[in-house]
C-alpha atoms as a PDB file:
ATOM      1  CA  MET A   1       0.000   0.000   0.000  1.00  0.00           C
ATOM      2  CA  GLU A   2       1.302   3.430  -0.975  1.00  0.00           C
ATOM      3  CA  ILE A   3       1.879   5.692   2.036  1.00  0.00           C
ATOM      4  CA  PRO A   4       0.538   9.244   1.553  1.00  0.00           C
ATOM      5  CA  GLU A   5       3.156  12.019   1.547  1.00  0.00           C
ATOM      6  CA  ASN A   6       1.550  13.839   4.484  1.00  0.00           C
ATOM      7  CA  VAL A   7       1.821  10.651   6.548  1.00  0.00           C
ATOM      8  CA  LYS A   8       5.453  10.113   5.529  1.00  0.00           C
ATOM      9  CA  LYS A   9       6.355  13.572   6.817  1.00  0.00           C
ATOM     10  CA  ARG A  10       5.048  12.682  10.285  1.00  0.00           C
ATOM     11  CA  LEU A  11       7.005   9.435  10.532  1.00  0.00           C
ATOM     12  CA  SER A  12      10.149   9.407  12.688  1.00  0.00           C
ATOM     13  CA  ILE A  13      11.835   6.751  10.541  1.00  0.00           C
ATOM     14  CA  PRO A  14      11.763   6.292   6.730  1.00  0.00           C
ATOM     15  CA  ALA A  15       8.581   4.710   5.397  1.00  0.00           C
ATOM     16  CA  GLU A  16      10.178   2.864   2.477  1.00  0.00           C
ATOM     17  CA  GLU A  17      10.707  -0.875   2.877  1.00  0.00           C
ATOM     18  CA  HIS A  18      13.683  -2.673   1.326  1.00  0.00           C
ATOM     19  CA  PHE A  19      13.483  -5.796   3.514  1.00  0.00           C
ATOM     20  CA  TYR A  20      10.806  -8.097   2.210  1.00  0.00           C
ATOM     21  CA  SER A  21       8.410 -10.530   3.822  1.00  0.00           C
ATOM     22  CA  GLY A  22       9.123 -14.183   3.240  1.00  0.00           C
ATOM     23  CA  HIS A  23      12.496 -14.150   4.974  1.00  0.00           C
ATOM     24  CA  THR A  24      13.373 -17.047   7.266  1.00  0.00           C
ATOM     25  CA  ALA A  25      14.131 -15.268  10.548  1.00  0.00           C
ATOM     26  CA  CYS A  26      12.714 -16.640  13.788  1.00  0.00           C
ATOM     27  CA  GLN A  27       9.856 -14.747  15.400  1.00  0.00           C
ATOM     28  CA  GLY A  28      11.151 -11.797  17.400  1.00  0.00           C
ATOM     29  CA  CYS A  29      14.572 -11.847  15.714  1.00  0.00           C
ATOM     30  CA  GLY A  30      16.551  -8.705  16.549  1.00  0.00           C
ATOM     31  CA  ALA A  31      18.952  -9.245  13.642  1.00  0.00           C
ATOM     32  CA  ALA A  32      16.134  -9.189  11.083  1.00  0.00           C
ATOM     33  CA  LEU A  33      14.754  -5.996  12.584  1.00  0.00           C
ATOM     34  CA  GLY A  34      18.220  -4.436  12.510  1.00  0.00           C
ATOM     35  CA  LEU A  35      18.657  -5.310   8.825  1.00  0.00           C
ATOM     36  CA  ARG A  36      15.297  -3.721   8.097  1.00  0.00           C
ATOM     37  CA  TYR A  37      16.407  -0.466   9.744  1.00  0.00           C
ATOM     38  CA  VAL A  38      19.741  -0.402   7.900  1.00  0.00           C
ATOM     39  CA  LEU A  39      17.911  -0.741   4.594  1.00  0.00           C
ATOM     40  CA  LYS A  40      15.482   2.002   5.611  1.00  0.00           C
ATOM     41  CA  ALA A  41      18.442   4.293   6.277  1.00  0.00           C
ATOM     42  CA  TYR A  42      20.546   3.449   3.190  1.00  0.00           C
ATOM     43  CA  GLY A  43      18.060   2.062   0.658  1.00  0.00           C
ATOM     44  CA  ARG A  44      18.919   0.073  -2.459  1.00  0.00           C
ATOM     45  CA  LYS A  45      22.253   1.838  -3.025  1.00  0.00           C
ATOM     46  CA  THR A  46      23.908  -0.496  -0.543  1.00  0.00           C
ATOM     47  CA  ILE A  47      26.376  -3.363  -0.871  1.00  0.00           C
ATOM     48  CA  PHE A  48      26.371  -5.776   2.064  1.00  0.00           C
ATOM     49  CA  THR A  49      29.046  -8.271   2.928  1.00  0.00           C
ATOM     50  CA  ILE A  50      27.617 -10.885   5.293  1.00  0.00           C
ATOM     51  CA  PRO A  51      29.577 -13.870   6.643  1.00  0.00           C
ATOM     52  CA  ALA A  52      28.250 -17.263   7.699  1.00  0.00           C
ATOM     53  CA  CYS A  53      25.660 -16.356  10.335  1.00  0.00           C
ATOM     54  CA  CYS A  54      21.911 -16.181  10.959  1.00  0.00           C
ATOM     55  CA  SER A  55      21.628 -13.306   8.487  1.00  0.00           C
ATOM     56  CA  THR A  56      22.985 -15.488   5.691  1.00  0.00           C
ATOM     57  CA  ILE A  57      19.941 -17.707   6.165  1.00  0.00           C
ATOM     58  CA  ILE A  58      17.544 -14.810   6.766  1.00  0.00           C
ATOM     59  CA  ALA A  59      18.454 -13.236   3.424  1.00  0.00           C
ATOM     60  CA  GLY A  60      17.318 -16.395   1.644  1.00  0.00           C
ATOM     61  CA  PRO A  61      18.858 -19.018  -0.678  1.00  0.00           C
ATOM     62  CA  TRP A  62      20.079 -18.011  -4.130  1.00  0.00           C
ATOM     63  CA  PRO A  63      18.451 -16.949  -6.443  1.00  0.00           C
ATOM     64  CA  TYR A  64      15.983 -15.557  -3.905  1.00  0.00           C
ATOM     65  CA  THR A  65      16.648 -12.791  -1.402  1.00  0.00           C
ATOM     66  CA  ALA A  66      14.727 -10.770   1.178  1.00  0.00           C
ATOM     67  CA  LEU A  67      17.099  -7.804   0.795  1.00  0.00           C
ATOM     68  CA  ASP A  68      16.486  -5.182  -1.872  1.00  0.00           C
ATOM     69  CA  ALA A  69      20.219  -4.511  -2.106  1.00  0.00           C
ATOM     70  CA  ASN A  70      23.441  -6.071  -3.358  1.00  0.00           C
ATOM     71  CA  LEU A  71      24.886  -8.793  -1.152  1.00  0.00           C
ATOM     72  CA  PHE A  72      28.164 -10.718  -0.919  1.00  0.00           C
ATOM     73  CA  HIS A  73      28.058 -13.946   1.109  1.00  0.00           C
ATOM     74  CA  THR A  74      31.533 -14.378   2.579  1.00  0.00           C
ATOM     75  CA  ALA A  75      33.469 -16.788   4.779  1.00  0.00           C
ATOM     76  CA  PHE A  76      32.938 -16.529   8.529  1.00  0.00           C
ATOM     77  CA  GLU A  77      36.212 -14.747   9.245  1.00  0.00           C
ATOM     78  CA  THR A  78      36.417 -12.330   6.307  1.00  0.00           C
ATOM     79  CA  THR A  79      33.814  -9.570   6.747  1.00  0.00           C
ATOM     80  CA  GLY A  80      36.362  -6.819   7.389  1.00  0.00           C
ATOM     81  CA  ALA A  81      38.646  -7.913   4.562  1.00  0.00           C
ATOM     82  CA  VAL A  82      35.844  -8.198   1.984  1.00  0.00           C
ATOM     83  CA  LEU A  83      34.467  -4.866   3.144  1.00  0.00           C
ATOM     84  CA  GLY A  84      37.774  -3.221   2.285  1.00  0.00           C
ATOM     85  CA  GLY A  85      38.001  -5.034  -1.046  1.00  0.00           C
ATOM     86  CA  ILE A  86      34.543  -3.883  -2.156  1.00  0.00           C
ATOM     87  CA  GLU A  87      35.290  -0.271  -1.212  1.00  0.00           C
ATOM     88  CA  ALA A  88      38.652  -0.311  -3.004  1.00  0.00           C
ATOM     89  CA  ALA A  89      37.107  -1.864  -6.143  1.00  0.00           C
ATOM     90  CA  LEU A  90      34.365   0.766  -6.275  1.00  0.00           C
ATOM     91  CA  LYS A  91      36.877   3.587  -5.969  1.00  0.00           C
ATOM     92  CA  ALA A  92      39.097   2.017  -8.625  1.00  0.00           C
ATOM     93  CA  ARG A  93      36.127   2.207 -10.986  1.00  0.00           C
ATOM     94  CA  GLY A  94      35.485   5.848 -10.094  1.00  0.00           C
ATOM     95  CA  ILE A  95      32.294   5.147  -8.121  1.00  0.00           C
ATOM     96  CA  LYS A  96      31.590   7.451  -5.190  1.00  0.00           C
ATOM     97  CA  VAL A  97      31.482   5.712  -1.826  1.00  0.00           C
ATOM     98  CA  LYS A  98      29.645   7.059   1.239  1.00  0.00           C
ATOM     99  CA  GLY A  99      27.769  10.335   1.383  1.00  0.00           C
ATOM    100  CA  GLU A 100      24.077  10.761   0.625  1.00  0.00           C
ATOM    101  CA  ASP A 101      24.570  10.127  -3.097  1.00  0.00           C
ATOM    102  CA  GLY A 102      27.305   7.502  -2.786  1.00  0.00           C
ATOM    103  CA  VAL A 103      27.249   3.722  -2.507  1.00  0.00           C
ATOM    104  CA  MET A 104      27.126   2.470   1.080  1.00  0.00           C
ATOM    105  CA  VAL A 105      29.441  -0.475   1.737  1.00  0.00           C
ATOM    106  CA  VAL A 106      28.176  -2.259   4.837  1.00  0.00           C
ATOM    107  CA  GLY A 107      29.762  -5.123   6.737  1.00  0.00           C
ATOM    108  CA  TRP A 108      27.013  -6.918   8.670  1.00  0.00           C
ATOM    109  CA  ALA A 109      28.226  -9.637  11.034  1.00  0.00           C
ATOM    110  CA  GLY A 110      27.264 -11.135  14.365  1.00  0.00           C
ATOM    111  CA  ASP A 111      29.340 -11.164  17.530  1.00  0.00           C
ATOM    112  CA  GLY A 112      30.839 -14.555  16.650  1.00  0.00           C
ATOM    113  CA  GLY A 113      31.911 -13.305  13.232  1.00  0.00           C
ATOM    114  CA  THR A 114      33.255 -10.063  14.716  1.00  0.00           C
ATOM    115  CA  ALA A 115      34.415 -10.537  18.303  1.00  0.00           C
ATOM    116  CA  ASP A 116      35.929 -13.993  17.722  1.00  0.00           C
ATOM    117  CA  ILE A 117      36.417 -15.553  14.296  1.00  0.00           C
ATOM    118  CA  GLY A 118      36.363 -12.256  12.389  1.00  0.00           C
ATOM    119  CA  LEU A 119      38.418 -10.154  14.813  1.00  0.00           C
ATOM    120  CA  GLN A 120      41.632 -10.449  12.783  1.00  0.00           C
ATOM    121  CA  ALA A 121      39.809  -9.070   9.716  1.00  0.00           C
ATOM    122  CA  LEU A 122      38.180  -6.175  11.570  1.00  0.00           C
ATOM    123  CA  GLN A 123      40.544  -3.806   9.774  1.00  0.00           C
ATOM    124  CA  ALA A 124      38.241  -1.007   8.604  1.00  0.00           C
ATOM    125  CA  PRO A 125      39.263   1.416  11.389  1.00  0.00           C
ATOM    126  CA  GLU A 126      42.990   0.767  10.923  1.00  0.00           C
ATOM    127  CA  ARG A 127      42.954   0.756   7.111  1.00  0.00           C
ATOM    128  CA  GLY A 128      40.743   3.812   6.711  1.00  0.00           C
ATOM    129  CA  HIS A 129      38.126   2.406   4.342  1.00  0.00           C
ATOM    130  CA  ASP A 130      35.012   4.479   3.606  1.00  0.00           C
ATOM    131  CA  ALA A 131      32.623   1.856   4.902  1.00  0.00           C
ATOM    132  CA  VAL A 132      30.373   0.979   7.833  1.00  0.00           C
ATOM    133  CA  TYR A 133      30.846  -2.176   9.881  1.00  0.00           C
ATOM    134  CA  ILE A 134      27.815  -3.200  11.935  1.00  0.00           C
ATOM    135  CA  MET A 135      28.139  -5.926  14.552  1.00  0.00           C
ATOM    136  CA  TYR A 136      24.686  -7.206  15.467  1.00  0.00           C
ATOM    137  CA  ASP A 137      25.199  -8.486  18.971  1.00  0.00           C
ATOM    138  CA  ASN A 138      22.993 -11.409  20.013  1.00  0.00           C
ATOM    139  CA  GLU A 139      25.654 -12.678  22.423  1.00  0.00           C
ATOM    140  CA  ALA A 140      26.320 -16.192  21.109  1.00  0.00           C
ATOM    141  CA  TYR A 141      26.773 -18.316  17.976  1.00  0.00           C
ATOM    142  CA  MET A 142      23.047 -18.646  17.382  1.00  0.00           C
ATOM    143  CA  ASN A 143      23.089 -20.052  13.845  1.00  0.00           C
ATOM    144  CA  THR A 144      25.241 -23.061  14.723  1.00  0.00           C
ATOM    145  CA  GLY A 145      23.537 -24.162  17.942  1.00  0.00           C
ATOM    146  CA  ILE A 146      23.776 -21.415  20.607  1.00  0.00           C
ATOM    147  CA  GLN A 147      27.439 -21.800  21.556  1.00  0.00           C
ATOM    148  CA  ARG A 148      29.127 -19.105  23.667  1.00  0.00           C
ATOM    149  CA  SER A 149      31.060 -16.292  22.030  1.00  0.00           C
ATOM    150  CA  SER A 150      33.333 -13.788  23.735  1.00  0.00           C
ATOM    151  CA  SER A 151      30.300 -11.466  23.731  1.00  0.00           C
ATOM    152  CA  THR A 152      28.287 -13.911  25.868  1.00  0.00           C
ATOM    153  CA  PRO A 153      27.581 -12.314  29.266  1.00  0.00           C
ATOM    154  CA  TYR A 154      28.629 -13.612  32.640  1.00  0.00           C
ATOM    155  CA  GLY A 155      26.216 -16.223  34.022  1.00  0.00           C
ATOM    156  CA  ALA A 156      24.563 -17.104  30.721  1.00  0.00           C
ATOM    157  CA  TRP A 157      23.563 -20.587  29.665  1.00  0.00           C
ATOM    158  CA  THR A 158      24.701 -21.767  26.226  1.00  0.00           C
ATOM    159  CA  THR A 159      25.084 -25.264  24.823  1.00  0.00           C
ATOM    160  CA  ASN A 160      28.747 -25.306  25.824  1.00  0.00           C
ATOM    161  CA  THR A 161      28.265 -23.395  29.104  1.00  0.00           C
ATOM    162  CA  PRO A 162      25.374 -25.477  30.493  1.00  0.00           C
ATOM    163  CA  GLY A 163      23.692 -24.903  33.820  1.00  0.00           C
ATOM    164  CA  GLY A 164      22.400 -27.421  36.327  1.00  0.00           C
ATOM    165  CA  LYS A 165      24.311 -29.225  39.065  1.00  0.00           C
ATOM    166  CA  LYS A 166      27.755 -28.833  37.487  1.00  0.00           C
ATOM    167  CA  HIS A 167      27.103 -25.120  36.952  1.00  0.00           C
ATOM    168  CA  PHE A 168      29.394 -24.573  33.974  1.00  0.00           C
ATOM    169  CA  LEU A 169      27.813 -21.215  33.165  1.00  0.00           C
ATOM    170  CA  GLU A 170      29.831 -18.524  31.413  1.00  0.00           C
ATOM    171  CA  LYS A 171      32.314 -17.126  33.957  1.00  0.00           C
ATOM    172  CA  ARG A 172      33.935 -14.422  31.840  1.00  0.00           C
ATOM    173  CA  GLN A 173      32.521 -10.952  31.371  1.00  0.00           C
ATOM    174  CA  LYS A 174      31.343  -9.782  27.960  1.00  0.00           C
ATOM    175  CA  LYS A 175      34.114  -8.589  25.629  1.00  0.00           C
ATOM    176  CA  LYS A 176      33.885  -4.840  24.921  1.00  0.00           C
ATOM    177  CA  VAL A 177      34.382  -5.036  21.157  1.00  0.00           C
ATOM    178  CA  ILE A 178      33.623  -1.373  20.621  1.00  0.00           C
ATOM    179  CA  ASP A 179      36.513  -0.514  22.960  1.00  0.00           C
ATOM    180  CA  ILE A 180      38.842  -2.527  20.717  1.00  0.00           C
ATOM    181  CA  VAL A 181      37.595  -0.575  17.699  1.00  0.00           C
ATOM    182  CA  ILE A 182      37.905   2.784  19.493  1.00  0.00           C
ATOM    183  CA  ALA A 183      41.531   1.939  20.273  1.00  0.00           C
ATOM    184  CA  HIS A 184      42.088   2.411  16.512  1.00  0.00           C
ATOM    185  CA  ASN A 185      40.693   5.968  16.853  1.00  0.00           C
ATOM    186  CA  PRO A 186      38.130   5.764  14.026  1.00  0.00           C
ATOM    187  CA  PRO A 187      36.254   8.914  12.935  1.00  0.00           C
ATOM    188  CA  TYR A 188      33.004   7.452  14.260  1.00  0.00           C
ATOM    189  CA  ALA A 189      31.851   4.535  16.432  1.00  0.00           C
ATOM    190  CA  ALA A 190      28.624   3.997  18.339  1.00  0.00           C
ATOM    191  CA  THR A 191      26.362   1.567  20.132  1.00  0.00           C
ATOM    192  CA  ALA A 192      22.694   1.188  19.157  1.00  0.00           C
ATOM    193  CA  SER A 193      19.674  -0.934  20.003  1.00  0.00           C
ATOM    194  CA  VAL A 194      16.748  -2.270  17.986  1.00  0.00           C
ATOM    195  CA  ALA A 195      14.504  -0.901  20.771  1.00  0.00           C
ATOM    196  CA  TYR A 196      15.470   2.657  19.804  1.00  0.00           C
ATOM    197  CA  PRO A 197      15.146   2.790  16.001  1.00  0.00           C
ATOM    198  CA  GLU A 198      15.248   6.597  15.739  1.00  0.00           C
ATOM    199  CA  ASP A 199      18.589   6.660  17.549  1.00  0.00           C
ATOM    200  CA  PHE A 200      19.937   3.785  15.415  1.00  0.00           C
ATOM    201  CA  ILE A 201      18.900   5.389  12.120  1.00  0.00           C
ATOM    202  CA  ARG A 202      20.329   8.758  13.212  1.00  0.00           C
ATOM    203  CA  LYS A 203      23.651   7.035  13.874  1.00  0.00           C
ATOM    204  CA  LEU A 204      23.502   5.219  10.532  1.00  0.00           C
ATOM    205  CA  LYS A 205      22.932   8.554   8.793  1.00  0.00           C
ATOM    206  CA  LYS A 206      25.820  10.127  10.665  1.00  0.00           C
ATOM    207  CA  ALA A 207      28.089   7.225   9.701  1.00  0.00           C
ATOM    208  CA  GLN A 208      27.018   7.782   6.096  1.00  0.00           C
ATOM    209  CA  LYS A 209      28.115  11.431   6.132  1.00  0.00           C
ATOM    210  CA  ILE A 210      31.416  11.085   7.983  1.00  0.00           C
ATOM    211  CA  PRO A 211      34.356  10.163   5.688  1.00  0.00           C
ATOM    212  CA  GLY A 212      36.369   7.120   6.668  1.00  0.00           C
ATOM    213  CA  PRO A 213      35.471   3.994   8.614  1.00  0.00           C
ATOM    214  CA  SER A 214      32.547   3.770  11.012  1.00  0.00           C
ATOM    215  CA  PHE A 215      31.564   1.020  13.449  1.00  0.00           C
ATOM    216  CA  ILE A 216      28.207   0.384  15.140  1.00  0.00           C
ATOM    217  CA  GLN A 217      27.579  -2.320  17.720  1.00  0.00           C
ATOM    218  CA  LEU A 218      23.851  -3.108  17.593  1.00  0.00           C
ATOM    219  CA  PHE A 219      22.101  -4.903  20.459  1.00  0.00           C
ATOM    220  CA  ALA A 220      19.848  -7.493  18.803  1.00  0.00           C
ATOM    221  CA  PRO A 221      17.997  -9.997  21.062  1.00  0.00           C
ATOM    222  CA  CYS A 222      17.628 -13.618  20.009  1.00  0.00           C
ATOM    223  CA  PRO A 223      14.536 -15.182  21.670  1.00  0.00           C
ATOM    224  CA  THR A 224      15.601 -18.673  20.569  1.00  0.00           C
ATOM    225  CA  GLY A 225      19.063 -18.508  22.125  1.00  0.00           C
ATOM    226  CA  TRP A 226      18.040 -16.401  25.097  1.00  0.00           C
ATOM    227  CA  ARG A 227      15.132 -18.711  25.985  1.00  0.00           C
ATOM    228  CA  ALA A 228      12.797 -15.715  25.976  1.00  0.00           C
ATOM    229  CA  PRO A 229       9.228 -15.151  24.697  1.00  0.00           C
ATOM    230  CA  THR A 230       9.214 -14.016  21.076  1.00  0.00           C
ATOM    231  CA  ASP A 231       7.125 -10.949  21.904  1.00  0.00           C
ATOM    232  CA  LYS A 232       9.659  -9.668  24.462  1.00  0.00           C
ATOM    233  CA  SER A 233      12.543  -8.750  22.124  1.00  0.00           C
ATOM    234  CA  ILE A 234      11.944  -4.996  22.195  1.00  0.00           C
ATOM    235  CA  GLU A 235      11.331  -5.000  25.937  1.00  0.00           C
ATOM    236  CA  LEU A 236      14.584  -6.910  26.478  1.00  0.00           C
ATOM    237  CA  ALA A 237      16.534  -4.572  24.212  1.00  0.00           C
ATOM    238  CA  ARG A 238      15.068  -1.596  26.066  1.00  0.00           C
ATOM    239  CA  LEU A 239      15.882  -3.071  29.481  1.00  0.00           C
ATOM    240  CA  ALA A 240      19.480  -3.730  28.407  1.00  0.00           C
ATOM    241  CA  VAL A 241      19.810   0.021  27.896  1.00  0.00           C
ATOM    242  CA  GLN A 242      17.810   1.068  30.954  1.00  0.00           C
ATOM    243  CA  THR A 243      19.908  -1.139  33.250  1.00  0.00           C
ATOM    244  CA  ALA A 244      23.121   0.258  31.668  1.00  0.00           C
ATOM    245  CA  TYR A 245      24.054  -3.290  30.674  1.00  0.00           C
ATOM    246  CA  PHE A 246      24.234  -1.987  27.100  1.00  0.00           C
ATOM    247  CA  PRO A 247      24.434   1.819  27.263  1.00  0.00           C
ATOM    248  CA  LEU A 248      23.975   3.917  24.134  1.00  0.00           C
ATOM    249  CA  PHE A 249      26.839   6.235  23.243  1.00  0.00           C
ATOM    250  CA  GLU A 250      28.877   7.701  20.394  1.00  0.00           C
ATOM    251  CA  TYR A 251      32.596   8.178  19.864  1.00  0.00           C
ATOM    252  CA  GLU A 252      33.252  10.937  17.348  1.00  0.00           C
ATOM    253  CA  ASN A 253      36.578  12.626  16.643  1.00  0.00           C
ATOM    254  CA  GLY A 254      38.045  11.344  19.880  1.00  0.00           C
ATOM    255  CA  LYS A 255      35.133  12.371  22.111  1.00  0.00           C
ATOM    256  CA  TYR A 256      32.440  10.353  23.880  1.00  0.00           C
ATOM    257  CA  LYS A 257      28.763  11.309  24.072  1.00  0.00           C
ATOM    258  CA  ILE A 258      26.131   9.301  25.962  1.00  0.00           C
ATOM    259  CA  ASN A 259      22.726   8.951  24.227  1.00  0.00           C
ATOM    260  CA  MET A 260      20.619   7.378  26.976  1.00  0.00           C
ATOM    261  CA  PRO A 261      16.837   7.952  26.707  1.00  0.00           C
ATOM    262  CA  ASN A 262      16.643   9.179  30.328  1.00  0.00           C
ATOM    263  CA  PRO A 263      20.211  10.288  31.097  1.00  0.00           C
ATOM    264  CA  LYS A 264      19.438  11.627  34.592  1.00  0.00           C
ATOM    265  CA  LYS A 265      17.809   8.403  35.791  1.00  0.00           C
ATOM    266  CA  GLU A 266      19.809   5.845  37.711  1.00  0.00           C
ATOM    267  CA  PRO A 267      20.081   2.455  35.969  1.00  0.00           C
ATOM    268  CA  LYS A 268      17.435  -0.131  36.778  1.00  0.00           C
ATOM    269  CA  PRO A 269      18.593  -3.286  38.620  1.00  0.00           C
ATOM    270  CA  ILE A 270      20.111  -5.842  36.257  1.00  0.00           C
ATOM    271  CA  GLU A 271      17.618  -8.464  37.522  1.00  0.00           C
ATOM    272  CA  GLU A 272      14.857  -6.761  35.516  1.00  0.00           C
ATOM    273  CA  PHE A 273      16.775  -7.677  32.360  1.00  0.00           C
ATOM    274  CA  LEU A 274      17.779 -11.162  33.530  1.00  0.00           C
ATOM    275  CA  LYS A 275      14.425 -12.440  34.802  1.00  0.00           C
ATOM    276  CA  LEU A 276      12.770 -12.480  31.366  1.00  0.00           C
ATOM    277  CA  GLN A 277      15.350 -14.897  29.942  1.00  0.00           C
ATOM    278  CA  GLY A 278      15.723 -18.615  30.525  1.00  0.00           C
ATOM    279  CA  ARG A 279      19.444 -18.472  29.770  1.00  0.00           C
ATOM    280  CA  PHE A 280      20.018 -16.828  33.165  1.00  0.00           C
ATOM    281  CA  LYS A 281      17.837 -19.150  35.261  1.00  0.00           C
ATOM    282  CA  TYR A 282      20.815 -21.014  36.729  1.00  0.00           C
ATOM    283  CA  MET A 283      22.476 -17.879  38.140  1.00  0.00           C
ATOM    284  CA  THR A 284      22.934 -17.745  41.906  1.00  0.00           C
ATOM    285  CA  ARG A 285      22.493 -14.590  43.974  1.00  0.00           C
ATOM    286  CA  GLU A 286      26.276 -14.269  44.014  1.00  0.00           C
ATOM    287  CA  ASP A 287      26.377 -14.521  40.204  1.00  0.00           C
ATOM    288  CA  ILE A 288      23.809 -11.741  39.867  1.00  0.00           C
ATOM    289  CA  GLU A 289      25.743  -9.507  42.251  1.00  0.00           C
ATOM    290  CA  ILE A 290      28.967 -10.096  40.280  1.00  0.00           C
ATOM    291  CA  LEU A 291      27.272  -9.138  37.011  1.00  0.00           C
ATOM    292  CA  GLN A 292      25.569  -6.124  38.617  1.00  0.00           C
ATOM    293  CA  SER A 293      28.895  -4.861  39.960  1.00  0.00           C
ATOM    294  CA  TRP A 294      30.520  -5.206  36.549  1.00  0.00           C
ATOM    295  CA  VAL A 295      27.674  -3.323  34.839  1.00  0.00           C
ATOM    296  CA  LEU A 296      27.822  -0.405  37.271  1.00  0.00           C
ATOM    297  CA  ARG A 297      31.617  -0.278  37.140  1.00  0.00           C
ATOM    298  CA  GLU A 298      31.610  -0.112  33.326  1.00  0.00           C
ATOM    299  CA  TRP A 299      28.815   2.475  33.423  1.00  0.00           C
ATOM    300  CA  GLU A 300      30.873   4.718  35.705  1.00  0.00           C
ATOM    301  CA  LYS A 301      33.859   4.385  33.349  1.00  0.00           C
ATOM    302  CA  LEU A 302      31.727   5.477  30.402  1.00  0.00           C
ATOM    303  CA  LYS A 303      30.297   8.463  32.280  1.00  0.00           C
ATOM    304  CA  LYS A 304      33.806   9.536  33.235  1.00  0.00           C
ATOM    305  CA  LEU A 305      34.914   9.385  29.586  1.00  0.00           C
ATOM    306  CA  ALA A 306      31.874  11.438  28.551  1.00  0.00           C
ATOM    307  CA  ARG A 307      32.536  14.031  31.264  1.00  0.00           C
ATOM    308  CA  SER A 308      36.172  14.309  30.181  1.00  0.00           C
ATOM    309  CA  SER A 309      35.064  14.823  26.585  1.00  0.00           C
ATOM    310  CA  ALA A 310      32.600  17.542  27.652  1.00  0.00           C
ATOM    311  CA  GLU A 311      35.279  19.333  29.667  1.00  0.00           C
ATOM    312  CA  LEU A 312      37.638  19.146  26.710  1.00  0.00           C
ATOM    313  CA  SER A 313      34.986  20.664  24.441  1.00  0.00           C
ATOM    314  CA  PHE A 314      34.338  23.399  26.996  1.00  0.00           C
ATOM    315  CA  SER A 315      38.011  24.293  27.342  1.00  0.00           C
ATOM    316  CA  THR A 316      38.533  24.509  23.587  1.00  0.00           C
ATOM    317  CA  LEU A 317      36.079  27.430  23.500  1.00  0.00           C
ATOM    318  CA  GLY A 318      38.574  29.471  25.530  1.00  0.00           C
ATOM    319  CA  PHE A 319      36.783  29.124  28.868  1.00  0.00           C
ATOM    320  CA  HIS A 320      38.063  27.567  32.041  1.00  0.00           C
ATOM    321  CA  LYS A 321      36.185  25.369  34.432  1.00  0.00           C
ATOM    322  CA  VAL A 322      35.558  27.138  37.749  1.00  0.00           C
END
């Protein structure tokens, strides 16, 4: 159905759809919703490189596809390398890359294909390619049977960190992949969540305008792997932000900026996020306290970085803090 122009003007996100029905995502899939938003932001003038992951299946088997855009299916570990190759090939042919009228080269990979197997190829920040790398973070290898990744949180059940009497739950804290990327000092990096589409699309648009490499870590719930109801994905993604387990922020030109929906509110207890998911049902009270302490410690670190960035901005105007 054609959407009237007066209705389009009132919408907070683009009305056009470039992600078609008939895809094979599970109900409540955060990755599928994230892909839909990326295509709303960038449209058909996009070239994706997607490694072996859930999104490979979601897109559909050749010659069919649910994405109204160009797509390279690549090996699990090569998203960053293929991303650079596509960008270099386009430039060699004189095709504009990035910008509102340029081709958007997008690496789209999960946490397994980014934080683990694909980490050695995550070269966009270091090599300076005009491209956007998006890590959709569902916190495990969901496509191959729900195995842990280095993005799996402390206390989570997976098929190789089972719960029960032996209590082999994940005992390492979640890897901060965006911190690894920021260590390369890219022009732009950010976190985003499928529960806040306006914020995500704004960040996608900003990444489109800024020359050089950009990185976005997108929080994308997986009801299947998280043992959660399929209608709770947005609530879970929202709670991850509200508890400061997955805070929203940007890193631009060396400065941090927090984008929380209610920045003055104290984070909600982490239990509100955990209790809706079966993957955390084996956690003890001590486990919950350990995870809560880690969340609040990391949250304080981020706030300190943002305050330092604000003070730096203030001082560059020629003023001095009293």
